[in-house]
């Protein structure tokens, strides 16, 4: 795509999996991106083989890779797009972003504002909704008090390129954090922080009905294994950004900015 402006080019990746979500979700994402910038390329990544019969003319179709859920799908998209460019901005979205939460015009506007700010940052940066469970934990040698949720988020080209133009955590790293699930328990690797492992265990095997992951009660061990990997992968991206001295551009107001500053100051060397 030829650049329309002197600013960065945005590469936007919409990952489709659930057939009922794709059409409306893609429409919402296109609307959001048009408010961010006129200068963007948009890719539809078909991770569920449930893509629509047709796509808007400017949207490029990419056959996905669901081996590591959305993260491997987005990696397939970036491979097709040519990897990371320091000058550019990369926006990632899955098809649940406007369904599984209170999505509104105000919420959309917060993401638009954050992504525009992200484009003005020179260096590693990550943007999205910041979440926490009120305890600090260590991951990838970094103390964190929260993480950027990956249902809709953005990265600077500098951060993406430094990470090897991939979002999936390398297998050798992941295997040091998590092994498997046996007898309704998670078998953790030697490098997992006990505070983080306790949080994820409660999320995957909640004691109270209605708590934790909404699919936890009926999910197979295989599905839960993939979910734990995805949870770790999500948090790992924030840890990578902080370890590189990067900046966080949050969409949600409040105490999280102070929490991020505390986490950034506590990098483990």
C-alpha atoms as a PDB file:
ATOM      1  CA  UNK A   1       0.000   0.000   0.000  1.00  0.00           C
ATOM      2  CA  UNK A   2       1.268   3.449  -0.883  1.00  0.00           C
ATOM      3  CA  UNK A   3       1.498   5.806   2.082  1.00  0.00           C
ATOM      4  CA  UNK A   4      -1.144   8.526   2.104  1.00  0.00           C
ATOM      5  CA  UNK A   5       0.533  10.672   4.760  1.00  0.00           C
ATOM      6  CA  UNK A   6       4.016  11.280   6.124  1.00  0.00           C
ATOM      7  CA  UNK A   7       3.182   9.352   9.287  1.00  0.00           C
ATOM      8  CA  UNK A   8       3.489   5.627   9.927  1.00  0.00           C
ATOM      9  CA  UNK A   9       1.547   3.027   8.017  1.00  0.00           C
ATOM     10  CA  UNK A  10      -0.842   0.996  10.173  1.00  0.00           C
ATOM     11  CA  UNK A  11      -1.093  -2.760   9.603  1.00  0.00           C
ATOM     12  CA  UNK A  12      -4.395  -4.029  11.038  1.00  0.00           C
ATOM     13  CA  UNK A  13      -5.013  -7.745  11.594  1.00  0.00           C
ATOM     14  CA  UNK A  14      -8.536  -9.023  12.289  1.00  0.00           C
ATOM     15  CA  UNK A  15      -8.622 -12.652  13.381  1.00  0.00           C
ATOM     16  CA  UNK A  16     -11.836 -14.537  12.656  1.00  0.00           C
ATOM     17  CA  UNK A  17     -12.783 -17.771  14.389  1.00  0.00           C
ATOM     18  CA  UNK A  18     -16.467 -17.747  15.368  1.00  0.00           C
ATOM     19  CA  UNK A  19     -18.701 -17.564  12.294  1.00  0.00           C
ATOM     20  CA  UNK A  20     -21.446 -15.617  14.084  1.00  0.00           C
ATOM     21  CA  UNK A  21     -18.956 -12.926  15.133  1.00  0.00           C
ATOM     22  CA  UNK A  22     -17.054 -12.340  11.928  1.00  0.00           C
ATOM     23  CA  UNK A  23     -19.252 -10.023   9.878  1.00  0.00           C
ATOM     24  CA  UNK A  24     -20.226  -7.581  12.639  1.00  0.00           C
ATOM     25  CA  UNK A  25     -16.823  -7.757  14.314  1.00  0.00           C
ATOM     26  CA  UNK A  26     -14.989  -6.984  11.079  1.00  0.00           C
ATOM     27  CA  UNK A  27     -17.334  -4.078  10.362  1.00  0.00           C
ATOM     28  CA  UNK A  28     -16.690  -2.602  13.822  1.00  0.00           C
ATOM     29  CA  UNK A  29     -12.937  -3.022  13.426  1.00  0.00           C
ATOM     30  CA  UNK A  30     -12.894  -1.315  10.027  1.00  0.00           C
ATOM     31  CA  UNK A  31     -14.904   1.565  11.484  1.00  0.00           C
ATOM     32  CA  UNK A  32     -12.427   1.911  14.347  1.00  0.00           C
ATOM     33  CA  UNK A  33      -9.388   1.856  12.058  1.00  0.00           C
ATOM     34  CA  UNK A  34     -10.850   4.503   9.751  1.00  0.00           C
ATOM     35  CA  UNK A  35     -11.091   6.816  12.739  1.00  0.00           C
ATOM     36  CA  UNK A  36      -7.492   6.087  13.709  1.00  0.00           C
ATOM     37  CA  UNK A  37      -5.926   6.832  10.321  1.00  0.00           C
ATOM     38  CA  UNK A  38      -6.605   6.914   6.561  1.00  0.00           C
ATOM     39  CA  UNK A  39      -3.313   5.105   6.048  1.00  0.00           C
ATOM     40  CA  UNK A  40      -3.786   1.435   6.908  1.00  0.00           C
ATOM     41  CA  UNK A  41      -3.699  -2.050   5.451  1.00  0.00           C
ATOM     42  CA  UNK A  42      -6.262  -4.526   6.756  1.00  0.00           C
ATOM     43  CA  UNK A  43      -5.919  -8.295   6.808  1.00  0.00           C
ATOM     44  CA  UNK A  44      -8.589 -10.883   7.592  1.00  0.00           C
ATOM     45  CA  UNK A  45      -7.007 -13.964   9.180  1.00  0.00           C
ATOM     46  CA  UNK A  46      -9.251 -17.026   8.919  1.00  0.00           C
ATOM     47  CA  UNK A  47      -8.379 -19.096  11.994  1.00  0.00           C
ATOM     48  CA  UNK A  48     -11.685 -20.940  12.179  1.00  0.00           C
ATOM     49  CA  UNK A  49     -12.213 -21.573   8.471  1.00  0.00           C
ATOM     50  CA  UNK A  50     -15.439 -19.632   8.964  1.00  0.00           C
ATOM     51  CA  UNK A  51     -14.659 -16.599   6.873  1.00  0.00           C
ATOM     52  CA  UNK A  52     -17.438 -14.694   5.127  1.00  0.00           C
ATOM     53  CA  UNK A  53     -18.291 -15.488   1.512  1.00  0.00           C
ATOM     54  CA  UNK A  54     -16.907 -12.107   0.511  1.00  0.00           C
ATOM     55  CA  UNK A  55     -14.742  -9.386   2.035  1.00  0.00           C
ATOM     56  CA  UNK A  56     -14.591  -5.632   1.421  1.00  0.00           C
ATOM     57  CA  UNK A  57     -12.311  -4.946  -1.522  1.00  0.00           C
ATOM     58  CA  UNK A  58      -9.466  -3.464   0.498  1.00  0.00           C
ATOM     59  CA  UNK A  59      -9.328  -6.376   2.984  1.00  0.00           C
ATOM     60  CA  UNK A  60      -6.780  -9.080   2.262  1.00  0.00           C
ATOM     61  CA  UNK A  61      -7.598 -12.709   3.102  1.00  0.00           C
ATOM     62  CA  UNK A  62      -5.027 -14.858   4.914  1.00  0.00           C
ATOM     63  CA  UNK A  63      -5.419 -18.517   5.848  1.00  0.00           C
ATOM     64  CA  UNK A  64      -4.757 -18.684   9.563  1.00  0.00           C
ATOM     65  CA  UNK A  65      -2.896 -20.990  11.928  1.00  0.00           C
ATOM     66  CA  UNK A  66      -4.792 -21.997  15.067  1.00  0.00           C
ATOM     67  CA  UNK A  67      -2.046 -24.134  16.612  1.00  0.00           C
ATOM     68  CA  UNK A  68      -1.427 -21.460  19.247  1.00  0.00           C
ATOM     69  CA  UNK A  69      -4.839 -19.859  18.893  1.00  0.00           C
ATOM     70  CA  UNK A  70      -4.919 -16.171  18.003  1.00  0.00           C
ATOM     71  CA  UNK A  71      -1.182 -15.633  18.494  1.00  0.00           C
ATOM     72  CA  UNK A  72      -0.145 -18.119  15.791  1.00  0.00           C
ATOM     73  CA  UNK A  73      -2.907 -16.718  13.593  1.00  0.00           C
ATOM     74  CA  UNK A  74      -1.563 -13.201  13.934  1.00  0.00           C
ATOM     75  CA  UNK A  75       1.933 -14.523  13.242  1.00  0.00           C
ATOM     76  CA  UNK A  76       0.626 -15.988   9.976  1.00  0.00           C
ATOM     77  CA  UNK A  77      -0.785 -12.577   9.137  1.00  0.00           C
ATOM     78  CA  UNK A  78       2.494 -10.814   9.831  1.00  0.00           C
ATOM     79  CA  UNK A  79       4.398 -13.350   7.754  1.00  0.00           C
ATOM     80  CA  UNK A  80       2.114 -12.510   4.843  1.00  0.00           C
ATOM     81  CA  UNK A  81       2.494  -8.777   5.468  1.00  0.00           C
ATOM     82  CA  UNK A  82       6.275  -8.974   5.513  1.00  0.00           C
ATOM     83  CA  UNK A  83       7.149  -8.757   9.211  1.00  0.00           C
ATOM     84  CA  UNK A  84       7.857  -5.694  11.314  1.00  0.00           C
ATOM     85  CA  UNK A  85       8.945  -2.253  10.119  1.00  0.00           C
ATOM     86  CA  UNK A  86      10.338   0.185  12.682  1.00  0.00           C
ATOM     87  CA  UNK A  87       8.342   3.054  11.206  1.00  0.00           C
ATOM     88  CA  UNK A  88       4.959   1.369  11.319  1.00  0.00           C
ATOM     89  CA  UNK A  89       2.232   0.444  13.800  1.00  0.00           C
ATOM     90  CA  UNK A  90       0.585  -2.969  14.134  1.00  0.00           C
ATOM     91  CA  UNK A  91      -2.963  -3.425  15.433  1.00  0.00           C
ATOM     92  CA  UNK A  92      -4.278  -6.868  16.394  1.00  0.00           C
ATOM     93  CA  UNK A  93      -7.893  -7.794  17.030  1.00  0.00           C
ATOM     94  CA  UNK A  94      -9.903 -10.977  17.511  1.00  0.00           C
ATOM     95  CA  UNK A  95     -13.540 -11.386  16.562  1.00  0.00           C
ATOM     96  CA  UNK A  96     -14.798 -11.386  20.163  1.00  0.00           C
ATOM     97  CA  UNK A  97     -13.597  -7.849  20.948  1.00  0.00           C
ATOM     98  CA  UNK A  98     -17.022  -6.226  20.666  1.00  0.00           C
ATOM     99  CA  UNK A  99     -19.069  -9.190  21.944  1.00  0.00           C
ATOM    100  CA  UNK A 100     -17.602 -10.422  25.248  1.00  0.00           C
ATOM    101  CA  UNK A 101     -17.452  -7.024  26.980  1.00  0.00           C
ATOM    102  CA  UNK A 102     -19.288  -3.724  27.211  1.00  0.00           C
ATOM    103  CA  UNK A 103     -18.282  -2.315  23.847  1.00  0.00           C
ATOM    104  CA  UNK A 104     -19.556   1.196  23.180  1.00  0.00           C
ATOM    105  CA  UNK A 105     -18.788   4.373  21.244  1.00  0.00           C
ATOM    106  CA  UNK A 106     -16.905   5.687  24.281  1.00  0.00           C
ATOM    107  CA  UNK A 107     -14.834   2.510  24.561  1.00  0.00           C
ATOM    108  CA  UNK A 108     -14.044   2.601  20.859  1.00  0.00           C
ATOM    109  CA  UNK A 109     -12.968   6.246  21.163  1.00  0.00           C
ATOM    110  CA  UNK A 110     -10.500   5.322  23.920  1.00  0.00           C
ATOM    111  CA  UNK A 111      -8.808   2.810  21.635  1.00  0.00           C
ATOM    112  CA  UNK A 112      -8.718   5.300  18.757  1.00  0.00           C
ATOM    113  CA  UNK A 113      -7.014   7.868  20.992  1.00  0.00           C
ATOM    114  CA  UNK A 114      -4.521   5.327  22.349  1.00  0.00           C
ATOM    115  CA  UNK A 115      -3.573   3.984  18.917  1.00  0.00           C
ATOM    116  CA  UNK A 116      -2.989   7.506  17.603  1.00  0.00           C
ATOM    117  CA  UNK A 117      -0.722   8.168  20.566  1.00  0.00           C
ATOM    118  CA  UNK A 118       1.082   4.880  19.971  1.00  0.00           C
ATOM    119  CA  UNK A 119       1.955   6.050  16.455  1.00  0.00           C
ATOM    120  CA  UNK A 120       3.815   9.055  17.863  1.00  0.00           C
ATOM    121  CA  UNK A 121       6.130   7.003  20.077  1.00  0.00           C
ATOM    122  CA  UNK A 122       9.674   6.385  18.908  1.00  0.00           C
ATOM    123  CA  UNK A 123      10.760   3.041  20.320  1.00  0.00           C
ATOM    124  CA  UNK A 124       9.170  -0.083  21.811  1.00  0.00           C
ATOM    125  CA  UNK A 125       5.546   0.467  22.838  1.00  0.00           C
ATOM    126  CA  UNK A 126       2.392  -1.511  23.542  1.00  0.00           C
ATOM    127  CA  UNK A 127      -1.180  -0.223  23.683  1.00  0.00           C
ATOM    128  CA  UNK A 128      -4.457  -1.647  24.948  1.00  0.00           C
ATOM    129  CA  UNK A 129      -6.593  -2.244  28.014  1.00  0.00           C
ATOM    130  CA  UNK A 130      -4.518  -2.772  31.158  1.00  0.00           C
ATOM    131  CA  UNK A 131      -5.711  -5.419  33.633  1.00  0.00           C
ATOM    132  CA  UNK A 132      -4.459  -6.816  36.923  1.00  0.00           C
ATOM    133  CA  UNK A 133      -5.378  -9.049  39.866  1.00  0.00           C
ATOM    134  CA  UNK A 134      -3.929  -6.704  42.513  1.00  0.00           C
ATOM    135  CA  UNK A 135      -0.726  -8.668  43.084  1.00  0.00           C
ATOM    136  CA  UNK A 136       2.694  -8.309  41.521  1.00  0.00           C
ATOM    137  CA  UNK A 137       4.301 -11.268  39.796  1.00  0.00           C
ATOM    138  CA  UNK A 138       7.443 -12.005  37.795  1.00  0.00           C
ATOM    139  CA  UNK A 139       7.536 -13.112  34.168  1.00  0.00           C
ATOM    140  CA  UNK A 140      10.444 -13.062  31.720  1.00  0.00           C
ATOM    141  CA  UNK A 141      12.641 -11.561  34.422  1.00  0.00           C
ATOM    142  CA  UNK A 142      10.300  -8.611  34.930  1.00  0.00           C
ATOM    143  CA  UNK A 143       8.020  -7.743  37.842  1.00  0.00           C
ATOM    144  CA  UNK A 144       4.524  -6.949  36.618  1.00  0.00           C
ATOM    145  CA  UNK A 145       1.460  -5.571  38.332  1.00  0.00           C
ATOM    146  CA  UNK A 146      -0.733  -6.143  35.280  1.00  0.00           C
ATOM    147  CA  UNK A 147      -0.796  -6.734  31.554  1.00  0.00           C
ATOM    148  CA  UNK A 148      -2.307  -5.520  28.292  1.00  0.00           C
ATOM    149  CA  UNK A 149      -5.284  -7.622  27.209  1.00  0.00           C
ATOM    150  CA  UNK A 150      -4.942  -8.978  23.696  1.00  0.00           C
ATOM    151  CA  UNK A 151      -8.521  -8.963  22.432  1.00  0.00           C
ATOM    152  CA  UNK A 152      -7.604  -5.622  20.798  1.00  0.00           C
ATOM    153  CA  UNK A 153      -4.135  -4.100  21.102  1.00  0.00           C
ATOM    154  CA  UNK A 154      -1.394  -2.319  19.222  1.00  0.00           C
ATOM    155  CA  UNK A 155       2.396  -2.538  19.026  1.00  0.00           C
ATOM    156  CA  UNK A 156       5.050  -0.275  17.631  1.00  0.00           C
ATOM    157  CA  UNK A 157       7.071  -1.667  14.764  1.00  0.00           C
ATOM    158  CA  UNK A 158      10.177  -1.310  16.917  1.00  0.00           C
ATOM    159  CA  UNK A 159       8.786  -3.628  19.584  1.00  0.00           C
ATOM    160  CA  UNK A 160       7.517  -6.139  17.064  1.00  0.00           C
ATOM    161  CA  UNK A 161      10.790  -6.234  15.149  1.00  0.00           C
ATOM    162  CA  UNK A 162      12.792  -6.637  18.370  1.00  0.00           C
ATOM    163  CA  UNK A 163      10.597  -9.640  19.213  1.00  0.00           C
ATOM    164  CA  UNK A 164      11.480 -11.258  15.896  1.00  0.00           C
ATOM    165  CA  UNK A 165       8.203 -10.212  14.216  1.00  0.00           C
ATOM    166  CA  UNK A 166       6.266 -12.876  16.102  1.00  0.00           C
ATOM    167  CA  UNK A 167       3.778 -12.847  18.960  1.00  0.00           C
ATOM    168  CA  UNK A 168       3.923 -16.504  19.991  1.00  0.00           C
ATOM    169  CA  UNK A 169       6.124 -17.302  22.965  1.00  0.00           C
ATOM    170  CA  UNK A 170       8.940 -19.670  21.890  1.00  0.00           C
ATOM    171  CA  UNK A 171       8.253 -23.281  22.891  1.00  0.00           C
ATOM    172  CA  UNK A 172      11.428 -23.562  24.959  1.00  0.00           C
ATOM    173  CA  UNK A 173      10.360 -20.542  27.028  1.00  0.00           C
ATOM    174  CA  UNK A 174       6.770 -21.710  27.412  1.00  0.00           C
ATOM    175  CA  UNK A 175       7.839 -25.202  28.479  1.00  0.00           C
ATOM    176  CA  UNK A 176       9.764 -23.692  31.386  1.00  0.00           C
ATOM    177  CA  UNK A 177       6.552 -22.073  32.597  1.00  0.00           C
ATOM    178  CA  UNK A 178       3.883 -24.690  31.973  1.00  0.00           C
ATOM    179  CA  UNK A 179       3.899 -28.441  31.305  1.00  0.00           C
ATOM    180  CA  UNK A 180       0.409 -29.940  31.166  1.00  0.00           C
ATOM    181  CA  UNK A 181      -2.860 -30.592  33.018  1.00  0.00           C
ATOM    182  CA  UNK A 182      -3.381 -33.838  34.910  1.00  0.00           C
ATOM    183  CA  UNK A 183      -6.131 -34.928  37.294  1.00  0.00           C
ATOM    184  CA  UNK A 184      -7.787 -31.494  37.242  1.00  0.00           C
ATOM    185  CA  UNK A 185      -4.556 -29.761  38.206  1.00  0.00           C
ATOM    186  CA  UNK A 186      -2.049 -27.671  36.303  1.00  0.00           C
ATOM    187  CA  UNK A 187       1.506 -29.026  36.219  1.00  0.00           C
ATOM    188  CA  UNK A 188       3.745 -25.980  36.196  1.00  0.00           C
ATOM    189  CA  UNK A 189       7.299 -25.586  34.920  1.00  0.00           C
ATOM    190  CA  UNK A 190      10.240 -24.586  37.067  1.00  0.00           C
ATOM    191  CA  UNK A 191      10.278 -20.916  35.977  1.00  0.00           C
ATOM    192  CA  UNK A 192       6.687 -19.977  36.840  1.00  0.00           C
ATOM    193  CA  UNK A 193       6.098 -17.407  39.557  1.00  0.00           C
ATOM    194  CA  UNK A 194       3.933 -18.982  42.323  1.00  0.00           C
ATOM    195  CA  UNK A 195       1.752 -15.871  42.521  1.00  0.00           C
ATOM    196  CA  UNK A 196       0.995 -16.051  38.804  1.00  0.00           C
ATOM    197  CA  UNK A 197       0.477 -19.817  38.844  1.00  0.00           C
ATOM    198  CA  UNK A 198      -1.975 -19.540  41.745  1.00  0.00           C
ATOM    199  CA  UNK A 199      -3.942 -16.858  39.890  1.00  0.00           C
ATOM    200  CA  UNK A 200      -4.173 -18.915  36.689  1.00  0.00           C
ATOM    201  CA  UNK A 201      -5.080 -22.082  38.611  1.00  0.00           C
ATOM    202  CA  UNK A 202      -7.976 -20.270  40.287  1.00  0.00           C
ATOM    203  CA  UNK A 203      -9.070 -18.919  36.909  1.00  0.00           C
ATOM    204  CA  UNK A 204      -9.010 -22.323  35.214  1.00  0.00           C
ATOM    205  CA  UNK A 205     -10.393 -24.352  38.144  1.00  0.00           C
ATOM    206  CA  UNK A 206     -12.644 -21.962  40.087  1.00  0.00           C
ATOM    207  CA  UNK A 207     -14.223 -23.145  43.313  1.00  0.00           C
ATOM    208  CA  UNK A 208     -17.310 -20.973  42.963  1.00  0.00           C
ATOM    209  CA  UNK A 209     -19.832 -21.221  40.149  1.00  0.00           C
ATOM    210  CA  UNK A 210     -19.644 -18.231  37.844  1.00  0.00           C
ATOM    211  CA  UNK A 211     -16.049 -17.424  38.791  1.00  0.00           C
ATOM    212  CA  UNK A 212     -13.022 -17.895  36.561  1.00  0.00           C
ATOM    213  CA  UNK A 213     -13.003 -18.756  32.879  1.00  0.00           C
ATOM    214  CA  UNK A 214     -16.508 -18.987  31.499  1.00  0.00           C
ATOM    215  CA  UNK A 215     -15.746 -22.292  29.715  1.00  0.00           C
ATOM    216  CA  UNK A 216     -13.929 -23.925  32.624  1.00  0.00           C
ATOM    217  CA  UNK A 217     -16.681 -26.294  33.771  1.00  0.00           C
ATOM    218  CA  UNK A 218     -17.160 -28.116  30.472  1.00  0.00           C
ATOM    219  CA  UNK A 219     -13.776 -27.770  28.801  1.00  0.00           C
ATOM    220  CA  UNK A 220     -11.572 -30.745  27.954  1.00  0.00           C
ATOM    221  CA  UNK A 221      -8.004 -30.946  29.233  1.00  0.00           C
ATOM    222  CA  UNK A 222      -6.752 -30.176  25.722  1.00  0.00           C
ATOM    223  CA  UNK A 223      -8.819 -26.997  25.555  1.00  0.00           C
ATOM    224  CA  UNK A 224      -7.638 -25.941  29.011  1.00  0.00           C
ATOM    225  CA  UNK A 225      -4.006 -26.584  28.082  1.00  0.00           C
ATOM    226  CA  UNK A 226      -4.365 -24.282  25.090  1.00  0.00           C
ATOM    227  CA  UNK A 227      -6.096 -21.672  27.235  1.00  0.00           C
ATOM    228  CA  UNK A 228      -3.282 -21.651  29.810  1.00  0.00           C
ATOM    229  CA  UNK A 229      -0.757 -21.215  27.003  1.00  0.00           C
ATOM    230  CA  UNK A 230      -2.762 -18.292  25.639  1.00  0.00           C
ATOM    231  CA  UNK A 231      -2.973 -16.648  29.085  1.00  0.00           C
ATOM    232  CA  UNK A 232       0.795 -16.883  29.514  1.00  0.00           C
ATOM    233  CA  UNK A 233       1.385 -15.637  25.977  1.00  0.00           C
ATOM    234  CA  UNK A 234      -0.781 -12.581  26.601  1.00  0.00           C
ATOM    235  CA  UNK A 235       1.127 -11.583  29.730  1.00  0.00           C
ATOM    236  CA  UNK A 236       4.478 -12.356  28.131  1.00  0.00           C
ATOM    237  CA  UNK A 237       3.970  -9.590  25.548  1.00  0.00           C
ATOM    238  CA  UNK A 238       3.694  -6.963  28.290  1.00  0.00           C
ATOM    239  CA  UNK A 239       6.764  -8.386  30.020  1.00  0.00           C
ATOM    240  CA  UNK A 240       8.752  -8.161  26.782  1.00  0.00           C
ATOM    241  CA  UNK A 241       7.772  -4.526  26.280  1.00  0.00           C
ATOM    242  CA  UNK A 242       8.778  -3.534  29.805  1.00  0.00           C
ATOM    243  CA  UNK A 243      12.010  -5.514  29.694  1.00  0.00           C
ATOM    244  CA  UNK A 244      12.994  -3.573  26.576  1.00  0.00           C
ATOM    245  CA  UNK A 245      12.314  -0.283  28.350  1.00  0.00           C
ATOM    246  CA  UNK A 246       9.190   0.268  26.279  1.00  0.00           C
ATOM    247  CA  UNK A 247       6.161   2.420  26.936  1.00  0.00           C
ATOM    248  CA  UNK A 248       2.576   1.414  27.628  1.00  0.00           C
ATOM    249  CA  UNK A 249      -0.289   3.400  26.123  1.00  0.00           C
ATOM    250  CA  UNK A 250      -3.354   2.368  28.099  1.00  0.00           C
ATOM    251  CA  UNK A 251      -6.966   2.751  27.030  1.00  0.00           C
ATOM    252  CA  UNK A 252      -8.513   2.525  30.482  1.00  0.00           C
ATOM    253  CA  UNK A 253      -8.148   5.385  32.993  1.00  0.00           C
ATOM    254  CA  UNK A 254      -7.440   5.144  36.706  1.00  0.00           C
ATOM    255  CA  UNK A 255      -4.838   3.585  38.920  1.00  0.00           C
ATOM    256  CA  UNK A 256      -3.292   1.393  36.246  1.00  0.00           C
ATOM    257  CA  UNK A 257      -0.850   4.070  35.089  1.00  0.00           C
ATOM    258  CA  UNK A 258       0.757   4.181  38.520  1.00  0.00           C
ATOM    259  CA  UNK A 259       0.802   0.390  38.585  1.00  0.00           C
ATOM    260  CA  UNK A 260       2.632   0.275  35.267  1.00  0.00           C
ATOM    261  CA  UNK A 261       5.242   2.766  36.435  1.00  0.00           C
ATOM    262  CA  UNK A 262       5.891   0.621  39.508  1.00  0.00           C
ATOM    263  CA  UNK A 263       6.289  -2.468  37.335  1.00  0.00           C
ATOM    264  CA  UNK A 264       8.657  -0.713  34.957  1.00  0.00           C
ATOM    265  CA  UNK A 265      10.857   0.459  37.825  1.00  0.00           C
ATOM    266  CA  UNK A 266      11.148  -3.088  39.142  1.00  0.00           C
ATOM    267  CA  UNK A 267      12.798  -4.740  36.138  1.00  0.00           C
ATOM    268  CA  UNK A 268      14.913  -7.687  37.248  1.00  0.00           C
ATOM    269  CA  UNK A 269      18.337  -7.530  35.658  1.00  0.00           C
END
